[in-house]
C-alpha cells in the first residue's frame, strides 16, 4: 500500500504540464492583440484611407485639360 502512496505522491508533485498553461496564455494574448490590430486597421481604412483614395482616383478620371 505504501508503494501506491509514494507513486501517487510522485505523480502529484510532477509539474510537467505547467508549460501547457503558459502556452495557452501566450496564444490567448496573441489572439487578443491581433484582433485589436485588425480592428484598428479596419477603422483606419474605412474612415481615412479609402475616402482619400476614392477622391484621388475620381480626380484622375475627371481630368478636363
N, C-alpha and C. Protein backbone atom coordinates (compact mmCIF):
# COMPACT_ATOMS: atom_id res chain seq x y z
N UNK A 1 0.82 -1.18 0.00
CA UNK A 1 0.00 0.00 0.00
C UNK A 1 0.86 1.25 0.00
N UNK A 2 2.00 1.20 0.64
CA UNK A 2 2.85 2.39 0.71
C UNK A 2 3.48 2.71 -0.65
N UNK A 3 3.68 1.70 -1.49
CA UNK A 3 4.23 1.98 -2.82
C UNK A 3 3.24 2.76 -3.67
N UNK A 4 1.95 2.46 -3.53
CA UNK A 4 0.93 3.23 -4.25
C UNK A 4 0.88 4.66 -3.74
N UNK A 5 1.05 4.83 -2.44
CA UNK A 5 1.06 6.16 -1.85
C UNK A 5 2.25 6.97 -2.38
N UNK A 6 3.40 6.32 -2.45
CA UNK A 6 4.60 7.01 -2.94
C UNK A 6 4.45 7.35 -4.42
N UNK A 7 3.94 6.42 -5.22
CA UNK A 7 3.79 6.70 -6.65
C UNK A 7 2.74 7.79 -6.88
N UNK A 8 1.68 7.80 -6.09
CA UNK A 8 0.68 8.86 -6.20
C UNK A 8 1.28 10.21 -5.84
N UNK A 9 2.08 10.23 -4.81
CA UNK A 9 2.72 11.47 -4.37
C UNK A 9 3.69 11.98 -5.44
N UNK A 10 4.41 11.09 -6.09
CA UNK A 10 5.34 11.48 -7.15
C UNK A 10 4.57 12.05 -8.34
N UNK A 11 3.47 11.42 -8.70
CA UNK A 11 2.66 11.91 -9.82
C UNK A 11 2.08 13.28 -9.51
N UNK A 12 1.61 13.48 -8.30
CA UNK A 12 1.04 14.78 -7.93
C UNK A 12 2.09 15.87 -7.83
N UNK A 13 3.31 15.51 -7.48
CA UNK A 13 4.38 16.51 -7.36
C UNK A 13 4.95 16.89 -8.71
N UNK A 14 4.67 16.11 -9.74
CA UNK A 14 5.20 16.38 -11.07
C UNK A 14 4.49 17.59 -11.67
N UNK A 15 5.22 18.52 -12.22
CA UNK A 15 4.62 19.73 -12.80
C UNK A 15 5.01 19.89 -14.27
N UNK A 16 5.04 18.80 -15.00
CA UNK A 16 5.40 18.86 -16.41
C UNK A 16 4.35 19.56 -17.25
N UNK A 17 3.12 19.53 -16.88
CA UNK A 17 2.05 20.14 -17.68
C UNK A 17 1.95 21.65 -17.49
N UNK A 18 2.84 22.21 -16.69
CA UNK A 18 2.80 23.64 -16.44
C UNK A 18 3.05 24.44 -17.71
N UNK A 19 3.81 23.90 -18.64
CA UNK A 19 4.08 24.58 -19.90
C UNK A 19 2.84 24.74 -20.77
N UNK A 20 1.87 23.85 -20.64
CA UNK A 20 0.65 23.96 -21.43
C UNK A 20 -0.15 25.20 -21.04
N UNK A 21 -0.17 25.52 -19.77
CA UNK A 21 -0.89 26.72 -19.32
C UNK A 21 -0.20 27.96 -19.86
N UNK A 22 1.12 27.99 -19.79
CA UNK A 22 1.87 29.13 -20.32
C UNK A 22 1.62 29.30 -21.81
N UNK A 23 1.62 28.21 -22.55
CA UNK A 23 1.38 28.28 -23.99
C UNK A 23 -0.03 28.77 -24.28
N UNK A 24 -0.99 28.31 -23.50
CA UNK A 24 -2.37 28.76 -23.69
C UNK A 24 -2.53 30.24 -23.44
N UNK A 25 -1.87 30.75 -22.42
CA UNK A 25 -1.95 32.18 -22.12
C UNK A 25 -1.29 32.99 -23.22
N UNK A 26 -0.16 32.52 -23.73
CA UNK A 26 0.52 33.23 -24.82
C UNK A 26 -0.35 33.27 -26.08
N UNK A 27 -0.99 32.16 -26.39
CA UNK A 27 -1.87 32.12 -27.56
C UNK A 27 -3.05 33.05 -27.38
N UNK A 28 -3.63 33.07 -26.19
CA UNK A 28 -4.77 33.96 -25.92
C UNK A 28 -4.37 35.42 -26.04
N UNK A 29 -3.22 35.79 -25.52
CA UNK A 29 -2.73 37.17 -25.63
C UNK A 29 -2.50 37.53 -27.10
N UNK A 30 -1.91 36.62 -27.86
CA UNK A 30 -1.65 36.89 -29.28
C UNK A 30 -2.95 37.08 -30.05
N UNK A 31 -3.97 36.29 -29.74
CA UNK A 31 -5.26 36.43 -30.43
C UNK A 31 -5.91 37.77 -30.11
N UNK A 32 -5.87 38.17 -28.85
CA UNK A 32 -6.48 39.44 -28.45
C UNK A 32 -5.75 40.62 -29.08
N UNK A 33 -4.43 40.60 -29.07
CA UNK A 33 -3.66 41.69 -29.68
C UNK A 33 -3.89 41.73 -31.19
N UNK A 34 -3.94 40.57 -31.83
CA UNK A 34 -4.21 40.52 -33.26
C UNK A 34 -5.59 41.08 -33.60
N UNK A 35 -6.58 40.76 -32.79
CA UNK A 35 -7.93 41.29 -33.03
C UNK A 35 -7.96 42.80 -32.87
N UNK A 36 -7.24 43.32 -31.89
CA UNK A 36 -7.18 44.78 -31.71
C UNK A 36 -6.50 45.46 -32.89
N UNK A 37 -5.43 44.87 -33.39
CA UNK A 37 -4.73 45.45 -34.54
C UNK A 37 -5.61 45.42 -35.78
N UNK A 38 -6.28 44.30 -36.02
CA UNK A 38 -7.17 44.21 -37.19
C UNK A 38 -8.33 45.19 -37.08
N UNK A 39 -8.87 45.35 -35.89
CA UNK A 39 -9.95 46.32 -35.69
C UNK A 39 -9.48 47.74 -35.95
N UNK A 40 -8.28 48.06 -35.49
CA UNK A 40 -7.72 49.39 -35.75
C UNK A 40 -7.48 49.64 -37.22
N UNK A 41 -6.96 48.65 -37.92
CA UNK A 41 -6.74 48.80 -39.36
C UNK A 41 -8.05 48.95 -40.12
N UNK A 42 -9.08 48.23 -39.69
CA UNK A 42 -10.39 48.33 -40.33
C UNK A 42 -10.94 49.75 -40.19
N UNK A 43 -10.84 50.31 -39.01
CA UNK A 43 -11.32 51.68 -38.78
C UNK A 43 -10.49 52.67 -39.57
N UNK A 44 -9.18 52.50 -39.59
CA UNK A 44 -8.29 53.41 -40.30
C UNK A 44 -8.58 53.40 -41.80
N UNK A 45 -8.73 52.21 -42.37
CA UNK A 45 -9.00 52.13 -43.80
C UNK A 45 -10.39 52.67 -44.14
N UNK A 46 -11.37 52.39 -43.30
CA UNK A 46 -12.73 52.81 -43.59
C UNK A 46 -12.93 54.31 -43.49
N UNK A 47 -12.28 54.97 -42.56
CA UNK A 47 -12.52 56.39 -42.32
C UNK A 47 -11.51 57.31 -42.98
N UNK A 48 -10.29 56.87 -43.18
CA UNK A 48 -9.23 57.77 -43.62
C UNK A 48 -8.70 57.44 -45.01
N UNK A 49 -8.28 56.23 -45.20
CA UNK A 49 -7.54 55.89 -46.42
C UNK A 49 -8.46 55.72 -47.62
N UNK A 50 -9.54 54.97 -47.49
CA UNK A 50 -10.40 54.71 -48.65
C UNK A 50 -11.10 55.95 -49.19
N UNK A 51 -11.65 56.85 -48.38
CA UNK A 51 -12.24 58.06 -48.96
C UNK A 51 -11.22 58.93 -49.69
N UNK A 52 -10.03 59.05 -49.15
CA UNK A 52 -8.98 59.84 -49.81
C UNK A 52 -8.59 59.19 -51.13
N UNK A 53 -8.42 57.90 -51.12
CA UNK A 53 -8.04 57.17 -52.33
C UNK A 53 -9.13 57.28 -53.39
N UNK A 54 -10.38 57.17 -52.98
CA UNK A 54 -11.50 57.28 -53.91
C UNK A 54 -11.55 58.66 -54.56
N UNK A 55 -11.38 59.69 -53.77
CA UNK A 55 -11.42 61.05 -54.34
C UNK A 55 -10.25 61.30 -55.28
N UNK A 56 -9.08 60.76 -54.99
CA UNK A 56 -7.93 60.94 -55.88
C UNK A 56 -8.12 60.19 -57.20
N UNK A 57 -8.69 59.00 -57.14
CA UNK A 57 -8.93 58.24 -58.37
C UNK A 57 -10.00 58.92 -59.21
N UNK A 58 -11.05 59.42 -58.59
CA UNK A 58 -12.07 60.15 -59.33
C UNK A 58 -11.50 61.43 -59.93
N UNK A 59 -10.58 62.07 -59.25
CA UNK A 59 -9.93 63.25 -59.79
C UNK A 59 -9.09 62.93 -61.02
N UNK A 60 -8.49 61.76 -61.06
CA UNK A 60 -7.71 61.36 -62.22
C UNK A 60 -8.59 61.16 -63.45
N UNK A 61 -9.77 60.59 -63.26
CA UNK A 61 -10.66 60.33 -64.39
C UNK A 61 -11.47 61.55 -64.81
N UNK A 62 -11.56 62.55 -63.97
CA UNK A 62 -12.31 63.76 -64.29
C UNK A 62 -11.38 64.87 -64.79
N UNK A 63 -10.30 64.50 -65.41
CA UNK A 63 -9.34 65.49 -65.90
C UNK A 63 -9.95 66.23 -67.09
N UNK A 64 -10.02 67.55 -66.99
CA UNK A 64 -10.66 68.35 -68.03
C UNK A 64 -9.62 69.23 -68.72
N UNK A 65 -8.49 68.69 -69.06
CA UNK A 65 -7.44 69.52 -69.61
C UNK A 65 -7.18 69.35 -71.02
